[in-house]
Amino acid sequence: MALRDHEQRALAEIERRLAEEDPRLAERFLGLSSPSLRNRQAVLALLGVLGAYALGLTVLVIGVSGAWIELIVLGAVISVSVLTWFTWKRLRHR
């Protein structure tokens, strides 16, 4: 539900006053997002990681089936890199 013009102006004024009176608190509130947005971002991130991992495994399998050392190495690097990056990111945010 969209706010009316006068409600938007009143909200902007409240935000401005909060930023003047307590900048640290204002920064904390500005950093928050809605739970649905965070959930959507988490799902998209997970799909991206799974997609990249699947790509790495696909390249690896194609390399093994064709006996191409370059593709085997590339697929292994992609797969390990994606898992390492994802694990590091998750541990860092705890």
PDB file of N, CA and C in Angstrom:
ATOM      1  N   MET A   1       0.853  -1.175   0.000  1.00  0.00           N
ATOM      2  CA  MET A   1       0.000   0.000   0.000  1.00  0.00           C
ATOM      3  C   MET A   1       0.897   1.236   0.000  1.00  0.00           C
ATOM      4  N   ALA A   2       0.707   2.098  -0.949  1.00  0.00           N
ATOM      5  CA  ALA A   2       1.529   3.293  -1.084  1.00  0.00           C
ATOM      6  C   ALA A   2       1.064   4.377  -0.117  1.00  0.00           C
ATOM      7  N   LEU A   3       2.034   5.160   0.325  1.00  0.00           N
ATOM      8  CA  LEU A   3       1.714   6.278   1.210  1.00  0.00           C
ATOM      9  C   LEU A   3       1.251   7.478   0.401  1.00  0.00           C
ATOM     10  N   ARG A   4       0.407   8.263   0.997  1.00  0.00           N
ATOM     11  CA  ARG A   4      -0.019   9.508   0.353  1.00  0.00           C
ATOM     12  C   ARG A   4       1.125  10.512   0.438  1.00  0.00           C
ATOM     13  N   ASP A   5       1.002  11.583  -0.335  1.00  0.00           N
ATOM     14  CA  ASP A   5       2.074  12.577  -0.389  1.00  0.00           C
ATOM     15  C   ASP A   5       2.388  13.159   0.980  1.00  0.00           C
ATOM     16  N   HIS A   6       1.371  13.551   1.721  1.00  0.00           N
ATOM     17  CA  HIS A   6       1.634  14.164   3.024  1.00  0.00           C
ATOM     18  C   HIS A   6       2.232  13.157   4.004  1.00  0.00           C
ATOM     19  N   GLU A   7       1.880  11.864   3.852  1.00  0.00           N
ATOM     20  CA  GLU A   7       2.457  10.826   4.703  1.00  0.00           C
ATOM     21  C   GLU A   7       3.937  10.603   4.358  1.00  0.00           C
ATOM     22  N   GLN A   8       4.233  10.636   3.064  1.00  0.00           N
ATOM     23  CA  GLN A   8       5.624  10.488   2.637  1.00  0.00           C
ATOM     24  C   GLN A   8       6.476  11.644   3.141  1.00  0.00           C
ATOM     25  N   ARG A   9       5.933  12.866   3.077  1.00  0.00           N
ATOM     26  CA  ARG A   9       6.667  14.030   3.577  1.00  0.00           C
ATOM     27  C   ARG A   9       6.884  13.930   5.082  1.00  0.00           C
ATOM     28  N   ALA A  10       5.862  13.493   5.806  1.00  0.00           N
ATOM     29  CA  ALA A  10       5.984  13.349   7.259  1.00  0.00           C
ATOM     30  C   ALA A  10       7.025  12.281   7.606  1.00  0.00           C
ATOM     31  N   LEU A  11       7.025  11.181   6.881  1.00  0.00           N
ATOM     32  CA  LEU A  11       7.999  10.127   7.116  1.00  0.00           C
ATOM     33  C   LEU A  11       9.415  10.616   6.807  1.00  0.00           C
ATOM     34  N   ALA A  12       9.578  11.333   5.719  1.00  0.00           N
ATOM     35  CA  ALA A  12      10.894  11.886   5.380  1.00  0.00           C
ATOM     36  C   ALA A  12      11.386  12.844   6.460  1.00  0.00           C
ATOM     37  N   GLU A  13      10.480  13.633   7.022  1.00  0.00           N
ATOM     38  CA  GLU A  13      10.847  14.560   8.094  1.00  0.00           C
ATOM     39  C   GLU A  13      11.274  13.798   9.348  1.00  0.00           C
ATOM     40  N   ILE A  14      10.560  12.735   9.677  1.00  0.00           N
ATOM     41  CA  ILE A  14      10.920  11.914  10.841  1.00  0.00           C
ATOM     42  C   ILE A  14      12.296  11.283  10.632  1.00  0.00           C
ATOM     43  N   GLU A  15      12.538  10.770   9.439  1.00  0.00           N
ATOM     44  CA  GLU A  15      13.833  10.172   9.138  1.00  0.00           C
ATOM     45  C   GLU A  15      14.956  11.200   9.244  1.00  0.00           C
ATOM     46  N   ARG A  16      14.718  12.402   8.742  1.00  0.00           N
ATOM     47  CA  ARG A  16      15.719  13.461   8.794  1.00  0.00           C
ATOM     48  C   ARG A  16      16.039  13.827  10.239  1.00  0.00           C
ATOM     49  N   ARG A  17      14.993  13.972  11.059  1.00  0.00           N
ATOM     50  CA  ARG A  17      15.201  14.310  12.473  1.00  0.00           C
ATOM     51  C   ARG A  17      15.952  13.200  13.207  1.00  0.00           C
ATOM     52  N   LEU A  18      15.598  11.972  12.913  1.00  0.00           N
ATOM     53  CA  LEU A  18      16.294  10.851  13.543  1.00  0.00           C
ATOM     54  C   LEU A  18      17.774  10.875  13.173  1.00  0.00           C
ATOM     55  N   ALA A  19      18.066  11.120  11.912  1.00  0.00           N
ATOM     56  CA  ALA A  19      19.460  11.168  11.466  1.00  0.00           C
ATOM     57  C   ALA A  19      20.221  12.295  12.160  1.00  0.00           C
ATOM     58  N   GLU A  20      19.553  13.411  12.426  1.00  0.00           N
ATOM     59  CA  GLU A  20      20.208  14.527  13.113  1.00  0.00           C
ATOM     60  C   GLU A  20      20.433  14.212  14.590  1.00  0.00           C
ATOM     61  N   GLU A  21      19.428  13.626  15.246  1.00  0.00           N
ATOM     62  CA  GLU A  21      19.488  13.394  16.684  1.00  0.00           C
ATOM     63  C   GLU A  21      20.358  12.188  17.057  1.00  0.00           C
ATOM     64  N   ASP A  22      20.265  11.116  16.298  1.00  0.00           N
ATOM     65  CA  ASP A  22      21.026   9.908  16.625  1.00  0.00           C
ATOM     66  C   ASP A  22      21.505   9.244  15.327  1.00  0.00           C
ATOM     67  N   PRO A  23      22.633   9.698  14.799  1.00  0.00           N
ATOM     68  CA  PRO A  23      23.113   9.169  13.513  1.00  0.00           C
ATOM     69  C   PRO A  23      23.382   7.655  13.535  1.00  0.00           C
ATOM     70  N   ARG A  24      23.877   7.134  14.658  1.00  0.00           N
ATOM     71  CA  ARG A  24      24.164   5.695  14.719  1.00  0.00           C
ATOM     72  C   ARG A  24      22.886   4.869  14.607  1.00  0.00           C
ATOM     73  N   LEU A  25      21.859   5.296  15.299  1.00  0.00           N
ATOM     74  CA  LEU A  25      20.580   4.590  15.227  1.00  0.00           C
ATOM     75  C   LEU A  25      19.993   4.684  13.821  1.00  0.00           C
ATOM     76  N   ALA A  26      20.111   5.839  13.221  1.00  0.00           N
ATOM     77  CA  ALA A  26      19.595   6.020  11.859  1.00  0.00           C
ATOM     78  C   ALA A  26      20.313   5.088  10.881  1.00  0.00           C
ATOM     79  N   GLU A  27      21.623   4.937  11.041  1.00  0.00           N
ATOM     80  CA  GLU A  27      22.375   4.039  10.167  1.00  0.00           C
ATOM     81  C   GLU A  27      21.922   2.595  10.332  1.00  0.00           C
ATOM     82  N   ARG A  28      21.633   2.220  11.582  1.00  0.00           N
ATOM     83  CA  ARG A  28      21.155   0.859  11.819  1.00  0.00           C
ATOM     84  C   ARG A  28      19.823   0.622  11.123  1.00  0.00           C
ATOM     85  N   PHE A  29      18.925   1.600  11.209  1.00  0.00           N
ATOM     86  CA  PHE A  29      17.619   1.443  10.565  1.00  0.00           C
ATOM     87  C   PHE A  29      17.732   1.460   9.052  1.00  0.00           C
ATOM     88  N   LEU A  30      18.631   2.266   8.512  1.00  0.00           N
ATOM     89  CA  LEU A  30      18.790   2.320   7.062  1.00  0.00           C
ATOM     90  C   LEU A  30      19.362   1.019   6.524  1.00  0.00           C
ATOM     91  N   GLY A  31      20.114   0.287   7.351  1.00  0.00           N
ATOM     92  CA  GLY A  31      20.700  -0.974   6.926  1.00  0.00           C
ATOM     93  C   GLY A  31      19.720  -2.129   6.926  1.00  0.00           C
ATOM     94  N   LEU A  32      18.557  -1.946   7.523  1.00  0.00           N
ATOM     95  CA  LEU A  32      17.565  -3.019   7.583  1.00  0.00           C
ATOM     96  C   LEU A  32      16.772  -3.097   6.294  1.00  0.00           C
ATOM     97  N   SER A  33      16.381  -4.295   5.952  1.00  0.00           N
ATOM     98  CA  SER A  33      15.486  -4.481   4.812  1.00  0.00           C
ATOM     99  C   SER A  33      14.389  -5.448   5.245  1.00  0.00           C
ATOM    100  N   SER A  34      13.392  -5.541   4.456  1.00  0.00           N
ATOM    101  CA  SER A  34      12.264  -6.398   4.821  1.00  0.00           C
ATOM    102  C   SER A  34      12.672  -7.869   4.776  1.00  0.00           C
ATOM    103  N   PRO A  35      12.049  -8.706   5.600  1.00  0.00           N
ATOM    104  CA  PRO A  35      12.388 -10.136   5.593  1.00  0.00           C
ATOM    105  C   PRO A  35      12.162 -10.790   4.234  1.00  0.00           C
ATOM    106  N   SER A  36      11.136 -10.385   3.520  1.00  0.00           N
ATOM    107  CA  SER A  36      10.878 -11.006   2.220  1.00  0.00           C
ATOM    108  C   SER A  36      11.990 -10.680   1.234  1.00  0.00           C
ATOM    109  N   LEU A  37      12.546  -9.471   1.326  1.00  0.00           N
ATOM    110  CA  LEU A  37      13.659  -9.105   0.447  1.00  0.00           C
ATOM    111  C   LEU A  37      14.894  -9.917   0.798  1.00  0.00           C
ATOM    112  N   ARG A  38      15.171 -10.078   2.091  1.00  0.00           N
ATOM    113  CA  ARG A  38      16.327 -10.880   2.511  1.00  0.00           C
ATOM    114  C   ARG A  38      16.155 -12.329   2.084  1.00  0.00           C
ATOM    115  N   ASN A  39      14.952 -12.867   2.219  1.00  0.00           N
ATOM    116  CA  ASN A  39      14.703 -14.250   1.809  1.00  0.00           C
ATOM    117  C   ASN A  39      14.889 -14.415   0.304  1.00  0.00           C
ATOM    118  N   ARG A  40      14.392 -13.461  -0.444  1.00  0.00           N
ATOM    119  CA  ARG A  40      14.524 -13.522  -1.898  1.00  0.00           C
ATOM    120  C   ARG A  40      15.997 -13.468  -2.295  1.00  0.00           C
ATOM    121  N   GLN A  41      16.762 -12.591  -1.638  1.00  0.00           N
ATOM    122  CA  GLN A  41      18.191 -12.492  -1.935  1.00  0.00           C
ATOM    123  C   GLN A  41      18.915 -13.776  -1.569  1.00  0.00           C
ATOM    124  N   ALA A  42      18.548 -14.392  -0.454  1.00  0.00           N
ATOM    125  CA  ALA A  42      19.180 -15.646  -0.037  1.00  0.00           C
ATOM    126  C   ALA A  42      18.878 -16.761  -1.036  1.00  0.00           C
ATOM    127  N   VAL A  43      17.651 -16.827  -1.499  1.00  0.00           N
ATOM    128  CA  VAL A  43      17.276 -17.855  -2.475  1.00  0.00           C
ATOM    129  C   VAL A  43      18.023 -17.635  -3.780  1.00  0.00           C
ATOM    130  N   LEU A  44      18.100 -16.401  -4.238  1.00  0.00           N
ATOM    131  CA  LEU A  44      18.821 -16.113  -5.484  1.00  0.00           C
ATOM    132  C   LEU A  44      20.308 -16.432  -5.342  1.00  0.00           C
ATOM    133  N   ALA A  45      20.885 -16.112  -4.188  1.00  0.00           N
ATOM    134  CA  ALA A  45      22.296 -16.416  -3.961  1.00  0.00           C
ATOM    135  C   ALA A  45      22.528 -17.921  -3.972  1.00  0.00           C
ATOM    136  N   LEU A  46      21.657 -18.660  -3.310  1.00  0.00           N
ATOM    137  CA  LEU A  46      21.794 -20.112  -3.284  1.00  0.00           C
ATOM    138  C   LEU A  46      21.642 -20.704  -4.683  1.00  0.00           C
ATOM    139  N   LEU A  47      20.687 -20.210  -5.454  1.00  0.00           N
ATOM    140  CA  LEU A  47      20.524 -20.691  -6.831  1.00  0.00           C
ATOM    141  C   LEU A  47      21.753 -20.378  -7.676  1.00  0.00           C
ATOM    142  N   GLY A  48      22.340 -19.217  -7.464  1.00  0.00           N
ATOM    143  CA  GLY A  48      23.552 -18.854  -8.190  1.00  0.00           C
ATOM    144  C   GLY A  48      24.714 -19.776  -7.848  1.00  0.00           C
ATOM    145  N   VAL A  49      24.872 -20.073  -6.556  1.00  0.00           N
ATOM    146  CA  VAL A  49      25.946 -20.975  -6.119  1.00  0.00           C
ATOM    147  C   VAL A  49      25.729 -22.377  -6.685  1.00  0.00           C
ATOM    148  N   LEU A  50      24.498 -22.863  -6.590  1.00  0.00           N
ATOM    149  CA  LEU A  50      24.203 -24.197  -7.123  1.00  0.00           C
ATOM    150  C   LEU A  50      24.395 -24.250  -8.638  1.00  0.00           C
ATOM    151  N   GLY A  51      24.001 -23.185  -9.319  1.00  0.00           N
ATOM    152  CA  GLY A  51      24.187 -23.130 -10.771  1.00  0.00           C
ATOM    153  C   GLY A  51      25.657 -23.139 -11.152  1.00  0.00           C
ATOM    154  N   ALA A  52      26.474 -22.356 -10.455  1.00  0.00           N
ATOM    155  CA  ALA A  52      27.910 -22.318 -10.741  1.00  0.00           C
ATOM    156  C   ALA A  52      28.563 -23.669 -10.426  1.00  0.00           C
ATOM    157  N   TYR A  53      28.141 -24.278  -9.320  1.00  0.00           N
ATOM    158  CA  TYR A  53      28.669 -25.593  -8.956  1.00  0.00           C
ATOM    159  C   TYR A  53      28.285 -26.634 -10.024  1.00  0.00           C
ATOM    160  N   ALA A  54      27.043 -26.593 -10.480  1.00  0.00           N
ATOM    161  CA  ALA A  54      26.595 -27.523 -11.527  1.00  0.00           C
ATOM    162  C   ALA A  54      27.377 -27.299 -12.818  1.00  0.00           C
ATOM    163  N   LEU A  55      27.660 -26.038 -13.124  1.00  0.00           N
ATOM    164  CA  LEU A  55      28.462 -25.735 -14.319  1.00  0.00           C
ATOM    165  C   LEU A  55      29.850 -26.351 -14.185  1.00  0.00           C
ATOM    166  N   GLY A  56      30.464 -26.190 -13.009  1.00  0.00           N
ATOM    167  CA  GLY A  56      31.785 -26.774 -12.786  1.00  0.00           C
ATOM    168  C   GLY A  56      31.775 -28.286 -12.930  1.00  0.00           C
ATOM    169  N   LEU A  57      30.771 -28.923 -12.360  1.00  0.00           N
ATOM    170  CA  LEU A  57      30.677 -30.385 -12.477  1.00  0.00           C
ATOM    171  C   LEU A  57      30.426 -30.819 -13.919  1.00  0.00           C
ATOM    172  N   THR A  58      29.626 -30.046 -14.643  1.00  0.00           N
ATOM    173  CA  THR A  58      29.357 -30.366 -16.044  1.00  0.00           C
ATOM    174  C   THR A  58      30.635 -30.279 -16.870  1.00  0.00           C
ATOM    175  N   VAL A  59      31.390 -29.211 -16.671  1.00  0.00           N
ATOM    176  CA  VAL A  59      32.660 -29.055 -17.389  1.00  0.00           C
ATOM    177  C   VAL A  59      33.611 -30.192 -17.023  1.00  0.00           C
ATOM    178  N   LEU A  60      33.627 -30.564 -15.749  1.00  0.00           N
ATOM    179  CA  LEU A  60      34.475 -31.668 -15.294  1.00  0.00           C
ATOM    180  C   LEU A  60      34.093 -32.983 -15.973  1.00  0.00           C
ATOM    181  N   VAL A  61      32.805 -33.286 -16.030  1.00  0.00           N
ATOM    182  CA  VAL A  61      32.338 -34.535 -16.655  1.00  0.00           C
ATOM    183  C   VAL A  61      32.637 -34.543 -18.147  1.00  0.00           C
ATOM    184  N   ILE A  62      32.437 -33.414 -18.804  1.00  0.00           N
ATOM    185  CA  ILE A  62      32.756 -33.337 -20.236  1.00  0.00           C
ATOM    186  C   ILE A  62      34.252 -33.546 -20.450  1.00  0.00           C
ATOM    187  N   GLY A  63      35.059 -32.965 -19.567  1.00  0.00           N
ATOM    188  CA  GLY A  63      36.504 -33.148 -19.671  1.00  0.00           C
ATOM    189  C   GLY A  63      36.920 -34.598 -19.471  1.00  0.00           C
ATOM    190  N   VAL A  64      36.301 -35.263 -18.509  1.00  0.00           N
ATOM    191  CA  VAL A  64      36.631 -36.676 -18.266  1.00  0.00           C
ATOM    192  C   VAL A  64      36.188 -37.534 -19.441  1.00  0.00           C
ATOM    193  N   SER A  65      34.983 -37.279 -19.958  1.00  0.00           N
ATOM    194  CA  SER A  65      34.486 -38.112 -21.064  1.00  0.00           C
ATOM    195  C   SER A  65      35.287 -37.899 -22.340  1.00  0.00           C
ATOM    196  N   GLY A  66      35.823 -36.704 -22.523  1.00  0.00           N
ATOM    197  CA  GLY A  66      36.615 -36.433 -23.722  1.00  0.00           C
ATOM    198  C   GLY A  66      38.109 -36.529 -23.488  1.00  0.00           C
ATOM    199  N   ALA A  67      38.503 -36.850 -22.265  1.00  0.00           N
ATOM    200  CA  ALA A  67      39.917 -36.958 -21.889  1.00  0.00           C
ATOM    201  C   ALA A  67      40.662 -35.652 -22.159  1.00  0.00           C
ATOM    202  N   TRP A  68      40.001 -34.525 -21.860  1.00  0.00           N
ATOM    203  CA  TRP A  68      40.636 -33.215 -22.015  1.00  0.00           C
ATOM    204  C   TRP A  68      41.085 -32.729 -20.638  1.00  0.00           C
ATOM    205  N   ILE A  69      42.365 -32.729 -20.448  1.00  0.00           N
ATOM    206  CA  ILE A  69      42.932 -32.342 -19.159  1.00  0.00           C
ATOM    207  C   ILE A  69      42.538 -30.918 -18.794  1.00  0.00           C
ATOM    208  N   GLU A  70      42.526 -30.024 -19.786  1.00  0.00           N
ATOM    209  CA  GLU A  70      42.196 -28.622 -19.520  1.00  0.00           C
ATOM    210  C   GLU A  70      40.789 -28.478 -18.946  1.00  0.00           C
ATOM    211  N   LEU A  71      39.826 -29.202 -19.507  1.00  0.00           N
ATOM    212  CA  LEU A  71      38.455 -29.131 -19.015  1.00  0.00           C
ATOM    213  C   LEU A  71      38.313 -29.789 -17.644  1.00  0.00           C
ATOM    214  N   ILE A  72      39.056 -30.854 -17.422  1.00  0.00           N
ATOM    215  CA  ILE A  72      39.017 -31.493 -16.102  1.00  0.00           C
ATOM    216  C   ILE A  72      39.503 -30.518 -15.040  1.00  0.00           C
ATOM    217  N   VAL A  73      40.621 -29.869 -15.313  1.00  0.00           N
ATOM    218  CA  VAL A  73      41.181 -28.906 -14.356  1.00  0.00           C
ATOM    219  C   VAL A  73      40.236 -27.720 -14.184  1.00  0.00           C
ATOM    220  N   LEU A  74      39.707 -27.198 -15.283  1.00  0.00           N
ATOM    221  CA  LEU A  74      38.794 -26.057 -15.212  1.00  0.00           C
ATOM    222  C   LEU A  74      37.543 -26.403 -14.408  1.00  0.00           C
ATOM    223  N   GLY A  75      36.956 -27.559 -14.668  1.00  0.00           N
ATOM    224  CA  GLY A  75      35.768 -27.980 -13.929  1.00  0.00           C
ATOM    225  C   GLY A  75      36.044 -28.155 -12.452  1.00  0.00           C
ATOM    226  N   ALA A  76      37.187 -28.741 -12.131  1.00  0.00           N
ATOM    227  CA  ALA A  76      37.547 -28.929 -10.722  1.00  0.00           C
ATOM    228  C   ALA A  76      37.779 -27.586 -10.043  1.00  0.00           C
ATOM    229  N   VAL A  77      38.446 -26.667 -10.725  1.00  0.00           N
ATOM    230  CA  VAL A  77      38.708 -25.340 -10.149  1.00  0.00           C
ATOM    231  C   VAL A  77      37.400 -24.595  -9.908  1.00  0.00           C
ATOM    232  N   ILE A  78      36.491 -24.633 -10.869  1.00  0.00           N
ATOM    233  CA  ILE A  78      35.199 -23.953 -10.713  1.00  0.00           C
ATOM    234  C   ILE A  78      34.436 -24.541  -9.524  1.00  0.00           C
ATOM    235  N   SER A  79      34.341 -25.855  -9.457  1.00  0.00           N
ATOM    236  CA  SER A  79      33.571 -26.510  -8.385  1.00  0.00           C
ATOM    237  C   SER A  79      34.161 -26.224  -7.014  1.00  0.00           C
ATOM    238  N   VAL A  80      35.459 -26.383  -6.883  1.00  0.00           N
ATOM    239  CA  VAL A  80      36.107 -26.154  -5.583  1.00  0.00           C
ATOM    240  C   VAL A  80      36.040 -24.682  -5.210  1.00  0.00           C
ATOM    241  N   SER A  81      36.222 -23.802  -6.182  1.00  0.00           N
ATOM    242  CA  SER A  81      36.180 -22.361  -5.901  1.00  0.00           C
ATOM    243  C   SER A  81      34.800 -21.925  -5.409  1.00  0.00           C
ATOM    244  N   VAL A  82      33.771 -22.427  -6.038  1.00  0.00           N
ATOM    245  CA  VAL A  82      32.408 -22.058  -5.639  1.00  0.00           C
ATOM    246  C   VAL A  82      32.122 -22.536  -4.219  1.00  0.00           C
ATOM    247  N   LEU A  83      32.466 -23.774  -3.918  1.00  0.00           N
ATOM    248  CA  LEU A  83      32.225 -24.294  -2.574  1.00  0.00           C
ATOM    249  C   LEU A  83      33.060 -23.562  -1.525  1.00  0.00           C
ATOM    250  N   THR A  84      34.305 -23.260  -1.853  1.00  0.00           N
ATOM    251  CA  THR A  84      35.170 -22.522  -0.926  1.00  0.00           C
ATOM    252  C   THR A  84      34.631 -21.130  -0.676  1.00  0.00           C
ATOM    253  N   TRP A  85      34.246 -20.439  -1.735  1.00  0.00           N
ATOM    254  CA  TRP A  85      33.720 -19.077  -1.602  1.00  0.00           C
ATOM    255  C   TRP A  85      32.444 -19.083  -0.760  1.00  0.00           C
ATOM    256  N   PHE A  86      31.544 -20.026  -1.045  1.00  0.00           N
ATOM    257  CA  PHE A  86      30.271 -20.083  -0.319  1.00  0.00           C
ATOM    258  C   PHE A  86      30.514 -20.375   1.163  1.00  0.00           C
ATOM    259  N   THR A  87      31.396 -21.322   1.457  1.00  0.00           N
ATOM    260  CA  THR A  87      31.689 -21.663   2.851  1.00  0.00           C
ATOM    261  C   THR A  87      32.325 -20.482   3.570  1.00  0.00           C
ATOM    262  N   TRP A  88      33.281 -19.841   2.926  1.00  0.00           N
ATOM    263  CA  TRP A  88      33.959 -18.682   3.529  1.00  0.00           C
ATOM    264  C   TRP A  88      32.963 -17.565   3.801  1.00  0.00           C
ATOM    265  N   LYS A  89      32.079 -17.314   2.869  1.00  0.00           N
ATOM    266  CA  LYS A  89      31.068 -16.249   3.015  1.00  0.00           C
ATOM    267  C   LYS A  89      30.125 -16.562   4.186  1.00  0.00           C
ATOM    268  N   ARG A  90      29.692 -17.801   4.293  1.00  0.00           N
ATOM    269  CA  ARG A  90      28.775 -18.188   5.364  1.00  0.00           C
ATOM    270  C   ARG A  90      29.456 -18.090   6.737  1.00  0.00           C
ATOM    271  N   LEU A  91      30.687 -18.542   6.822  1.00  0.00           N
ATOM    272  CA  LEU A  91      31.400 -18.486   8.100  1.00  0.00           C
ATOM    273  C   LEU A  91      31.717 -17.054   8.520  1.00  0.00           C
ATOM    274  N   ARG A  92      31.974 -16.207   7.567  1.00  0.00           N
ATOM    275  CA  ARG A  92      32.308 -14.814   7.856  1.00  0.00           C
ATOM    276  C   ARG A  92      31.119 -14.052   8.415  1.00  0.00           C
ATOM    277  N   HIS A  93      29.906 -14.423   8.034  1.00  0.00           N
ATOM    278  CA  HIS A  93      28.703 -13.708   8.459  1.00  0.00           C
ATOM    279  C   HIS A  93      28.137 -14.230   9.775  1.00  0.00           C
ATOM    280  N   ARG A  94      28.789 -15.152  10.411  1.00  0.00           N
ATOM    281  CA  ARG A  94      28.292 -15.668  11.692  1.00  0.00           C
ATOM    282  C   ARG A  94      28.685 -14.785  12.818  1.00  0.00           C
TER     283      ARG A  94
END
